[in-house]
Amino acid sequence: MPNTIFPFAVRPIGFSDEEEAGFDVAFAEGHGKGYGYFRLAEDNLQDPDLYVVNAEQLKAMIILSDLRASDVRPALMVGTPQIDLPYPQIARPLEWDAFFVALDDLVEKKADALARLEASDVVVVPERRRRQRLDIDLTDPAEYEKMRTKIPEDGVVLIVDKNTASRDYLSDLLARQPGQVPVPVLWAGDEMAAVDICKQQPIAVVLINTSTPGVDPYRLCWGIKEKDSPVKTTVILLISKPFEYDREQAHYVGVEGFLNKPLASNHLITVLKKYLPSAR
């Protein structure tokens, strides 16, 4: 749907469940200039358009210091900062009118920055740190375990869906990426076919449409993943209502995360490139 308008994705960092629920309510009601926002859940793999950070939590501020936020992907601090960082800040208690004014301002600056980059044809690369990194390891031990596995060099993409339309769309999308070797996209319409394909050839990414009839995405992921395998096969769920993502069960069977449908093509490609062989 080319005319679909996608709201801006906000990644909250360091807030309680109650505060995040408050963001959901405020975003659903709509405030400010009506640009539209939604909160990215923790396992949502989509890249954020902007960050909202609890400035009064040290861990959140350390994470922010390592994100290298910029006008292209800005950050807003809420509360009194625990670390001196060069990002806009609003006070607590949070007032929604002021909050949305700040968000709208960041979105407009983001649009200006992207327009300048597009006009200059500059390739954006992460800038080097301007300050020494705080030597605090916040990495979950489970993440180190993931790092030991490798993406198969000739791994392809498998999409599990009720028909081949999504396979055809994704295949065309990947083929049109500049400077990239086309990645084959396979299709399976049921769990047994998907598991068989994964046994027959290296699969880098499996996309499971959770609305596929007869498919239990968690059971399928369990069937695809091989215990202690040195090869990494990433499983991503494509979800839409009424499906409810079960984070605990997803982590147990090895699901990497999820993406909400509908999803802009650029967001889908950005996520996929993280899990495909680097040579591509």
Protein backbone atom coordinates (compact mmCIF):
# COMPACT_ATOMS: atom_id res chain seq x y z
CA MET A 1 0.00 0.00 0.00
CA PRO A 2 2.11 2.93 -1.21
CA ASN A 3 -0.02 5.59 0.51
CA THR A 4 0.21 4.04 3.97
CA ILE A 5 1.41 6.58 6.54
CA PHE A 6 3.63 5.03 9.20
CA PRO A 7 3.88 6.68 12.63
CA PHE A 8 7.26 7.41 14.20
CA ALA A 9 8.75 4.60 16.29
CA VAL A 10 9.85 5.61 19.80
CA ARG A 11 12.26 3.45 21.81
CA PRO A 12 11.90 4.15 25.57
CA ILE A 13 14.95 3.40 27.70
CA GLY A 14 14.92 3.02 31.48
CA PHE A 15 11.22 3.42 32.22
CA SER A 16 8.96 1.22 34.34
CA ASP A 17 6.17 -0.89 32.87
CA GLU A 18 3.64 1.61 34.23
CA GLU A 19 5.40 4.53 32.57
CA GLU A 20 5.60 2.67 29.26
CA ALA A 21 1.88 1.92 29.49
CA GLY A 22 1.37 5.67 29.96
CA PHE A 23 3.28 6.32 26.74
CA ASP A 24 1.02 3.85 24.92
CA VAL A 25 -2.11 5.67 26.10
CA ALA A 26 -0.73 9.10 25.21
CA PHE A 27 0.43 7.97 21.77
CA ALA A 28 -2.95 6.38 21.07
CA GLU A 29 -4.79 9.58 22.03
CA GLY A 30 -2.61 11.76 19.83
CA HIS A 31 -1.18 15.11 20.88
CA GLY A 32 0.90 17.91 19.45
CA LYS A 33 0.92 18.41 15.70
CA GLY A 34 -0.48 14.96 15.00
CA TYR A 35 2.63 13.37 13.51
CA GLY A 36 1.79 10.06 15.16
CA TYR A 37 4.00 7.96 17.43
CA PHE A 38 4.08 4.45 18.82
CA ARG A 39 6.23 2.72 21.40
CA LEU A 40 8.60 -0.02 20.32
CA ALA A 41 8.27 -2.99 22.67
CA GLU A 42 11.52 -4.50 23.93
CA ASP A 43 11.56 -7.39 21.44
CA ASN A 44 10.43 -5.27 18.48
CA LEU A 45 13.38 -5.40 16.07
CA GLN A 46 12.42 -2.30 14.09
CA ASP A 47 14.96 0.50 14.34
CA PRO A 48 13.60 3.49 16.28
CA ASP A 49 13.07 6.92 14.81
CA LEU A 50 13.93 8.47 18.16
CA TYR A 51 14.79 7.56 21.75
CA VAL A 52 13.10 8.70 24.95
CA VAL A 53 15.40 8.14 27.92
CA ASN A 54 14.88 8.19 31.68
CA ALA A 55 17.62 10.67 32.57
CA GLU A 56 17.36 9.78 36.27
CA GLN A 57 18.43 6.16 35.76
CA LEU A 58 22.20 5.68 35.46
CA LYS A 59 21.99 2.52 33.36
CA ALA A 60 19.69 4.24 30.86
CA MET A 61 22.09 7.16 30.55
CA ILE A 62 25.05 4.85 29.98
CA ILE A 63 23.09 3.14 27.20
CA LEU A 64 22.28 6.54 25.70
CA SER A 65 25.93 7.59 25.79
CA ASP A 66 26.78 4.56 23.65
CA LEU A 67 23.97 5.08 21.09
CA ARG A 68 25.49 8.16 19.45
CA ALA A 69 22.11 9.76 18.97
CA SER A 70 22.04 12.59 16.42
CA ASP A 71 19.58 14.75 14.49
CA VAL A 72 19.01 11.75 12.21
CA ARG A 73 18.06 9.56 15.16
CA PRO A 74 17.50 11.96 18.05
CA ALA A 75 17.07 11.43 21.77
CA LEU A 76 14.98 13.16 24.42
CA MET A 77 15.93 12.96 28.11
CA VAL A 78 13.18 12.96 30.73
CA GLY A 79 14.08 14.16 34.23
CA THR A 80 17.30 15.45 35.79
CA PRO A 81 20.27 13.90 33.94
CA GLN A 82 22.64 11.61 35.85
CA ILE A 83 25.33 12.21 33.22
CA ASP A 84 26.05 15.37 31.24
CA LEU A 85 25.01 14.54 27.67
CA PRO A 86 24.25 16.98 24.82
CA TYR A 87 20.60 16.09 24.25
CA PRO A 88 17.36 18.02 24.86
CA GLN A 89 15.73 17.45 28.23
CA ILE A 90 12.31 17.98 29.80
CA ALA A 91 11.50 17.97 33.49
CA ARG A 92 9.56 15.57 35.67
CA PRO A 93 6.73 15.18 36.47
CA LEU A 94 6.05 14.60 32.80
CA GLU A 95 3.54 16.96 31.20
CA TRP A 96 2.17 15.50 27.99
CA ASP A 97 1.81 18.80 26.16
CA ALA A 98 5.48 19.65 26.76
CA PHE A 99 6.47 16.08 25.93
CA PHE A 100 4.79 16.15 22.52
CA VAL A 101 6.15 19.62 21.74
CA ALA A 102 9.64 18.20 22.34
CA LEU A 103 8.94 15.10 20.22
CA ASP A 104 7.50 17.14 17.36
CA ASP A 105 10.55 19.41 17.43
CA LEU A 106 12.90 16.42 17.22
CA VAL A 107 10.93 14.90 14.35
CA GLU A 108 11.11 18.16 12.38
CA LYS A 109 14.86 18.41 12.98
CA LYS A 110 15.20 14.78 11.90
CA ALA A 111 13.37 15.53 8.64
CA ASP A 112 15.64 18.51 7.97
CA ALA A 113 18.77 16.45 8.68
CA LEU A 114 17.65 13.65 6.37
CA ALA A 115 16.82 16.15 3.62
CA ARG A 116 20.30 17.68 3.87
CA LEU A 117 21.94 14.27 3.73
CA GLU A 118 19.90 13.26 0.70
CA ALA A 119 20.75 16.50 -1.07
CA SER A 120 24.47 16.13 -0.36
CA ASP A 121 24.55 12.42 -1.28
CA VAL A 122 26.63 11.75 1.82
CA VAL A 123 26.93 8.23 3.21
CA VAL A 124 26.29 8.30 6.95
CA VAL A 125 28.76 6.41 9.13
CA PRO A 126 28.85 6.32 12.93
CA GLU A 127 31.11 9.03 14.28
CA ARG A 128 33.94 8.19 16.65
CA ARG A 129 33.40 8.76 20.34
CA ARG A 130 34.03 12.31 21.50
CA ARG A 131 34.42 11.15 25.07
CA GLN A 132 35.88 8.11 26.78
CA ARG A 133 33.42 5.26 27.04
CA LEU A 134 32.27 4.44 30.55
CA ASP A 135 33.78 1.04 31.31
CA ILE A 136 30.66 -0.67 32.60
CA ASP A 137 29.61 -3.95 30.99
CA LEU A 138 25.81 -4.03 30.75
CA THR A 139 25.69 -6.99 28.38
CA ASP A 140 23.38 -9.85 29.29
CA PRO A 141 25.37 -13.14 29.49
CA ALA A 142 22.88 -14.65 27.03
CA GLU A 143 24.06 -12.11 24.45
CA TYR A 144 27.63 -13.42 24.70
CA GLU A 145 26.28 -16.90 23.98
CA LYS A 146 24.58 -15.58 20.83
CA MET A 147 27.85 -14.01 19.68
CA ARG A 148 29.51 -17.45 19.53
CA THR A 149 27.24 -18.56 16.69
CA LYS A 150 27.88 -17.53 13.10
CA ILE A 151 25.55 -16.54 10.28
CA PRO A 152 25.87 -19.12 7.46
CA GLU A 153 27.87 -17.57 4.61
CA ASP A 154 25.46 -18.90 1.98
CA GLY A 155 22.37 -18.55 4.15
CA VAL A 156 19.09 -17.58 2.51
CA VAL A 157 15.76 -16.23 3.73
CA LEU A 158 12.74 -18.44 4.40
CA ILE A 159 9.29 -16.93 4.80
CA VAL A 160 6.42 -18.94 6.27
CA ASP A 161 3.07 -17.64 5.06
CA LYS A 162 -0.26 -18.83 3.67
CA ASN A 163 0.78 -18.09 0.07
CA THR A 164 3.78 -17.00 -1.99
CA ALA A 165 2.82 -13.32 -2.35
CA SER A 166 5.04 -12.16 0.52
CA ARG A 167 7.92 -14.31 -0.80
CA ASP A 168 7.64 -12.67 -4.21
CA TYR A 169 7.47 -9.19 -2.69
CA LEU A 170 10.49 -9.73 -0.44
CA SER A 171 12.51 -11.37 -3.19
CA ASP A 172 11.94 -8.37 -5.46
CA LEU A 173 12.73 -5.97 -2.62
CA LEU A 174 16.06 -7.63 -1.84
CA ALA A 175 16.98 -7.85 -5.53
CA ARG A 176 16.60 -4.08 -5.88
CA GLN A 177 19.03 -3.23 -3.09
CA PRO A 178 22.01 -1.33 -4.58
CA GLY A 179 25.39 -2.97 -4.26
CA GLN A 180 23.97 -6.15 -2.80
CA VAL A 181 24.18 -9.70 -4.11
CA PRO A 182 20.57 -10.90 -4.43
CA VAL A 183 19.54 -13.19 -1.58
CA PRO A 184 17.27 -16.12 -2.47
CA VAL A 185 13.93 -16.10 -0.66
CA LEU A 186 12.21 -19.44 -0.10
CA TRP A 187 8.63 -20.13 0.93
CA ALA A 188 6.85 -22.66 3.11
CA GLY A 189 3.14 -22.86 3.81
CA ASP A 190 3.25 -25.10 6.88
CA GLU A 191 5.50 -26.14 9.76
CA MET A 192 6.65 -29.47 8.30
CA ALA A 193 7.71 -27.90 5.01
CA ALA A 194 9.58 -25.13 6.86
CA VAL A 195 11.51 -27.58 9.06
CA ASP A 196 12.38 -29.73 6.02
CA ILE A 197 13.75 -26.72 4.13
CA CYS A 198 15.88 -25.71 7.12
CA LYS A 199 17.37 -29.22 7.23
CA GLN A 200 18.15 -29.24 3.51
CA GLN A 201 20.10 -25.97 3.23
CA PRO A 202 21.57 -23.13 5.30
CA ILE A 203 18.97 -20.57 6.35
CA ALA A 204 20.07 -17.20 7.72
CA VAL A 205 16.63 -15.77 8.54
CA VAL A 206 13.18 -17.29 8.98
CA LEU A 207 10.23 -14.89 8.86
CA ILE A 208 7.04 -16.41 10.30
CA ASN A 209 3.72 -14.72 9.58
CA THR A 210 1.83 -15.51 12.77
CA SER A 211 -1.51 -15.37 10.95
CA THR A 212 -0.58 -18.38 8.78
CA PRO A 213 -3.31 -21.02 9.28
CA GLY A 214 -2.20 -24.08 11.26
CA VAL A 215 1.18 -22.63 12.23
CA ASP A 216 2.24 -22.26 15.86
CA PRO A 217 5.18 -19.86 15.56
CA TYR A 218 6.79 -20.89 18.86
CA ARG A 219 6.54 -24.61 18.10
CA LEU A 220 7.95 -23.98 14.63
CA CYS A 221 10.89 -22.01 16.01
CA TRP A 222 11.61 -24.84 18.44
CA GLY A 223 11.63 -27.27 15.51
CA ILE A 224 13.94 -25.07 13.44
CA LYS A 225 16.54 -24.27 16.08
CA GLU A 226 19.24 -26.86 16.69
CA LYS A 227 20.63 -27.00 20.21
CA ASP A 228 24.31 -26.01 20.49
CA SER A 229 24.54 -25.44 16.73
CA PRO A 230 27.48 -23.20 15.69
CA VAL A 231 25.32 -21.84 12.86
CA LYS A 232 22.95 -18.99 13.60
CA THR A 233 19.44 -19.11 12.16
CA THR A 234 17.47 -16.01 13.16
CA VAL A 235 13.72 -16.44 13.63
CA ILE A 236 11.57 -13.29 13.42
CA LEU A 237 7.80 -13.20 13.90
CA LEU A 238 5.65 -10.95 11.71
CA ILE A 239 2.68 -10.08 13.88
CA SER A 240 -0.58 -8.19 13.72
CA LYS A 241 -3.72 -8.16 15.83
CA PRO A 242 -5.21 -10.24 17.38
CA PHE A 243 -1.92 -12.14 17.89
CA GLU A 244 -0.35 -11.45 21.31
CA TYR A 245 3.42 -11.80 21.49
CA ASP A 246 4.51 -13.99 24.42
CA ARG A 247 7.97 -12.71 25.31
CA GLU A 248 8.77 -15.47 27.81
CA GLN A 249 7.82 -18.27 25.44
CA ALA A 250 9.58 -16.55 22.54
CA HIS A 251 12.84 -16.35 24.46
CA TYR A 252 12.53 -19.97 25.59
CA VAL A 253 12.32 -21.32 22.03
CA GLY A 254 14.89 -18.89 20.61
CA VAL A 255 12.82 -16.31 18.73
CA GLU A 256 15.01 -13.28 18.01
CA GLY A 257 12.10 -10.82 18.16
CA PHE A 258 9.19 -9.54 16.12
CA LEU A 259 8.07 -6.92 13.63
CA ASN A 260 4.61 -5.38 13.50
CA LYS A 261 2.59 -5.48 10.28
CA PRO A 262 2.22 -3.41 8.21
CA LEU A 263 5.88 -2.48 8.02
CA ALA A 264 7.58 0.03 5.73
CA SER A 265 9.91 -1.70 3.26
CA ASN A 266 12.96 0.29 4.38
CA HIS A 267 12.47 -0.85 7.98
CA LEU A 268 12.18 -4.47 6.88
CA ILE A 269 15.36 -4.28 4.80
CA THR A 270 17.28 -2.58 7.62
CA VAL A 271 16.38 -5.38 10.02
CA LEU A 272 17.13 -8.18 7.56
CA LYS A 273 20.58 -6.83 6.73
CA LYS A 274 21.58 -7.28 10.37
CA TYR A 275 21.08 -11.03 10.11
CA LEU A 276 22.18 -11.79 6.55
CA PRO A 277 25.77 -12.72 5.58
CA SER A 278 27.92 -9.57 5.62
CA ALA A 279 29.24 -10.25 2.12
CA ARG A 280 25.75 -9.46 0.89
